[in-house]
Structure formats: structure tokens, C-alpha cells
Amino acid sequence: MLDKLTRDQFAPLVGETFRLRLNEAEWVDVVLHDVQSLGARPADGWGREHNARTEPFSVVFRVPRELALPQMMFELSHATMGELPGLFLVPVAMDGNGRYYEAVFN
């Protein structure tokens, strides 16, 4: 499922709320803060031989400042995208608005 996602699917959803599963019974609202292209893979590089996605990208979610999440895989859900299981989130920044976690798709 995750290998089929593209930057263009996430880009229009910047500013929208996703749900992030903390445990079996608890979810928290997070906001899609940013979507960035990471540039195309070289035509003759590893990606072509192994059928990797042609446009790697990253997404950044903002979570409430008081919630410090570990770097790990999480399940997210969105009203139109549905379930996004196994999304590896890494903490990348913090400011007065919250903490920011990035997932890279490559």
C-alpha cells in the first residue's frame, strides 16, 4: 500500500487532519504540515533496476507539542486516504506550534 503512494496524493491535503494511533485504544489528531519532492532518481541508478518509486518525497506531520513520540512505525488514518499502516516517523523539529515528524517515501 505505502509503495503506491505519491507526492501528488498528499500535496492537496496539507493542513488537513490525520489520526495517528498511539496504542490499541488511543488515537491523536496530527496535521499534515508539508510535502516535499526529494528529486528524481537517476535513470540508470538503483531505483530503476529495483522498480523503486520514480519521485521520492517526504511528508511532515505536526503533532501537539506536549506529545513527544519516539522514532518508530505508526498507523495513520485520513478521511479520504484511508488507513496508512507502517509509516516510519522520525522527529525533525519543534517550535511553539508543535513537534514535527517526517516520513520519507523512496
C-alpha atoms as a PDB file:
ATOM      1  CA  MET A   1       0.000   0.000   0.000  1.00  0.00           C
ATOM      2  CA  LEU A   2       2.628   2.573   1.026  1.00  0.00           C
ATOM      3  CA  ASP A   3       4.707   1.830  -2.074  1.00  0.00           C
ATOM      4  CA  LYS A   4       1.828   3.064  -4.261  1.00  0.00           C
ATOM      5  CA  LEU A   5       1.519   6.478  -2.596  1.00  0.00           C
ATOM      6  CA  THR A   6       2.724   9.583  -4.424  1.00  0.00           C
ATOM      7  CA  ARG A   7       3.572  13.161  -3.547  1.00  0.00           C
ATOM      8  CA  ASP A   8       0.592  14.305  -5.618  1.00  0.00           C
ATOM      9  CA  GLN A   9      -1.787  12.369  -3.370  1.00  0.00           C
ATOM     10  CA  PHE A  10      -0.500  14.105  -0.233  1.00  0.00           C
ATOM     11  CA  ALA A  11       0.086  17.646  -1.580  1.00  0.00           C
ATOM     12  CA  PRO A  12      -3.583  18.753  -1.676  1.00  0.00           C
ATOM     13  CA  LEU A  13      -4.023  17.542   1.909  1.00  0.00           C
ATOM     14  CA  VAL A  14      -1.515  19.941   3.514  1.00  0.00           C
ATOM     15  CA  GLY A  15      -3.259  21.496   6.508  1.00  0.00           C
ATOM     16  CA  GLU A  16      -5.688  18.595   6.910  1.00  0.00           C
ATOM     17  CA  THR A  17      -6.024  16.420   9.984  1.00  0.00           C
ATOM     18  CA  PHE A  18      -4.884  12.807  10.095  1.00  0.00           C
ATOM     19  CA  ARG A  19      -5.364  10.411  13.006  1.00  0.00           C
ATOM     20  CA  LEU A  20      -2.284   8.718  14.484  1.00  0.00           C
ATOM     21  CA  ARG A  21      -2.618   5.538  16.547  1.00  0.00           C
ATOM     22  CA  LEU A  22      -0.697   5.751  19.813  1.00  0.00           C
ATOM     23  CA  ASN A  23      -1.747   2.293  21.049  1.00  0.00           C
ATOM     24  CA  GLU A  24      -4.623  -0.185  20.768  1.00  0.00           C
ATOM     25  CA  ALA A  25      -7.204   2.240  22.162  1.00  0.00           C
ATOM     26  CA  GLU A  26      -5.773   5.724  21.744  1.00  0.00           C
ATOM     27  CA  TRP A  27      -5.547   7.977  18.690  1.00  0.00           C
ATOM     28  CA  VAL A  28      -4.349  11.584  18.399  1.00  0.00           C
ATOM     29  CA  ASP A  29      -5.019  14.219  15.744  1.00  0.00           C
ATOM     30  CA  VAL A  30      -1.985  15.329  13.728  1.00  0.00           C
ATOM     31  CA  VAL A  31      -1.801  17.834  10.881  1.00  0.00           C
ATOM     32  CA  LEU A  32      -0.081  17.312   7.545  1.00  0.00           C
ATOM     33  CA  HIS A  33       2.315  20.253   7.627  1.00  0.00           C
ATOM     34  CA  ASP A  34       4.431  19.867   4.479  1.00  0.00           C
ATOM     35  CA  VAL A  35       5.076  17.684   1.424  1.00  0.00           C
ATOM     36  CA  GLN A  36       8.413  17.924  -0.403  1.00  0.00           C
ATOM     37  CA  SER A  37       9.819  16.297  -3.520  1.00  0.00           C
ATOM     38  CA  LEU A  38      13.260  14.804  -2.923  1.00  0.00           C
ATOM     39  CA  GLY A  39      14.196  14.809  -6.611  1.00  0.00           C
ATOM     40  CA  ALA A  40      14.029  12.067  -9.219  1.00  0.00           C
ATOM     41  CA  ARG A  41      16.257   9.013  -9.106  1.00  0.00           C
ATOM     42  CA  PRO A  42      18.988   8.704 -11.754  1.00  0.00           C
ATOM     43  CA  ALA A  43      17.678   6.914 -14.842  1.00  0.00           C
ATOM     44  CA  ASP A  44      20.374   4.246 -14.646  1.00  0.00           C
ATOM     45  CA  GLY A  45      20.568   4.042 -10.845  1.00  0.00           C
ATOM     46  CA  TRP A  46      19.437   1.524  -8.262  1.00  0.00           C
ATOM     47  CA  GLY A  47      15.825   2.700  -8.338  1.00  0.00           C
ATOM     48  CA  ARG A  48      15.265   1.765 -11.962  1.00  0.00           C
ATOM     49  CA  GLU A  49      16.686  -1.737 -11.587  1.00  0.00           C
ATOM     50  CA  HIS A  50      14.638  -2.425  -8.473  1.00  0.00           C
ATOM     51  CA  ASN A  51      11.399  -0.754  -9.574  1.00  0.00           C
ATOM     52  CA  ALA A  52      11.569   1.873  -6.821  1.00  0.00           C
ATOM     53  CA  ARG A  53       9.297   4.895  -6.985  1.00  0.00           C
ATOM     54  CA  THR A  54      10.375   7.433  -9.603  1.00  0.00           C
ATOM     55  CA  GLU A  55       9.859  10.502  -7.404  1.00  0.00           C
ATOM     56  CA  PRO A  56      10.976  10.138  -3.791  1.00  0.00           C
ATOM     57  CA  PHE A  57       9.225  12.547  -1.432  1.00  0.00           C
ATOM     58  CA  SER A  58       8.736  13.337   2.214  1.00  0.00           C
ATOM     59  CA  VAL A  59       5.764  14.339   4.333  1.00  0.00           C
ATOM     60  CA  VAL A  60       5.930  16.193   7.636  1.00  0.00           C
ATOM     61  CA  PHE A  61       3.229  15.959  10.287  1.00  0.00           C
ATOM     62  CA  ARG A  62       2.756  18.366  13.186  1.00  0.00           C
ATOM     63  CA  VAL A  63       1.744  16.801  16.495  1.00  0.00           C
ATOM     64  CA  PRO A  64       0.819  18.570  19.732  1.00  0.00           C
ATOM     65  CA  ARG A  65       3.900  19.997  21.455  1.00  0.00           C
ATOM     66  CA  GLU A  66       3.227  18.105  24.680  1.00  0.00           C
ATOM     67  CA  LEU A  67       3.322  14.760  22.848  1.00  0.00           C
ATOM     68  CA  ALA A  68       6.901  13.521  22.328  1.00  0.00           C
ATOM     69  CA  LEU A  69       6.770  10.448  20.101  1.00  0.00           C
ATOM     70  CA  PRO A  70       9.626   8.002  19.651  1.00  0.00           C
ATOM     71  CA  GLN A  71      11.111   7.361  16.218  1.00  0.00           C
ATOM     72  CA  MET A  72       9.119   4.316  15.076  1.00  0.00           C
ATOM     73  CA  MET A  73       6.397   2.973  12.813  1.00  0.00           C
ATOM     74  CA  PHE A  74       2.885   4.307  13.312  1.00  0.00           C
ATOM     75  CA  GLU A  75      -0.515   3.725  11.800  1.00  0.00           C
ATOM     76  CA  LEU A  76      -2.224   6.822  10.448  1.00  0.00           C
ATOM     77  CA  SER A  77      -5.691   7.318   9.058  1.00  0.00           C
ATOM     78  CA  HIS A  78      -7.268  10.009   6.885  1.00  0.00           C
ATOM     79  CA  ALA A  79     -10.875  10.544   5.793  1.00  0.00           C
ATOM     80  CA  THR A  80     -10.120  10.227   2.056  1.00  0.00           C
ATOM     81  CA  MET A  81      -6.795   8.340   2.003  1.00  0.00           C
ATOM     82  CA  GLY A  82      -7.929   5.674   4.440  1.00  0.00           C
ATOM     83  CA  GLU A  83      -5.537   3.641   6.580  1.00  0.00           C
ATOM     84  CA  LEU A  84      -1.781   4.171   6.287  1.00  0.00           C
ATOM     85  CA  PRO A  85      -0.200   1.343   8.288  1.00  0.00           C
ATOM     86  CA  GLY A  86       3.518   1.096   8.965  1.00  0.00           C
ATOM     87  CA  LEU A  87       4.537   4.716   8.391  1.00  0.00           C
ATOM     88  CA  PHE A  88       8.014   5.287   9.880  1.00  0.00           C
ATOM     89  CA  LEU A  89       8.078   8.714  11.538  1.00  0.00           C
ATOM     90  CA  VAL A  90      11.245  10.491  12.638  1.00  0.00           C
ATOM     91  CA  PRO A  91      11.297  13.628  14.812  1.00  0.00           C
ATOM     92  CA  VAL A  92      12.793  16.542  12.858  1.00  0.00           C
ATOM     93  CA  ALA A  93      11.868  19.797  14.619  1.00  0.00           C
ATOM     94  CA  MET A  94       9.915  21.534  17.354  1.00  0.00           C
ATOM     95  CA  ASP A  95       8.553  25.059  17.727  1.00  0.00           C
ATOM     96  CA  GLY A  96       5.798  26.887  19.572  1.00  0.00           C
ATOM     97  CA  ASN A  97       3.153  25.225  17.379  1.00  0.00           C
ATOM     98  CA  GLY A  98       4.162  21.625  17.991  1.00  0.00           C
ATOM     99  CA  ARG A  99       6.596  18.850  17.188  1.00  0.00           C
ATOM    100  CA  TYR A 100       7.296  17.813  13.613  1.00  0.00           C
ATOM    101  CA  TYR A 101       7.761  14.253  12.370  1.00  0.00           C
ATOM    102  CA  GLU A 102       8.880  13.244   8.886  1.00  0.00           C
ATOM    103  CA  ALA A 103       8.202  10.161   6.789  1.00  0.00           C
ATOM    104  CA  VAL A 104      10.292   9.580   3.651  1.00  0.00           C
ATOM    105  CA  PHE A 105       8.954   7.636   0.675  1.00  0.00           C
ATOM    106  CA  ASN A 106      11.727   6.393  -1.631  1.00  0.00           C
END
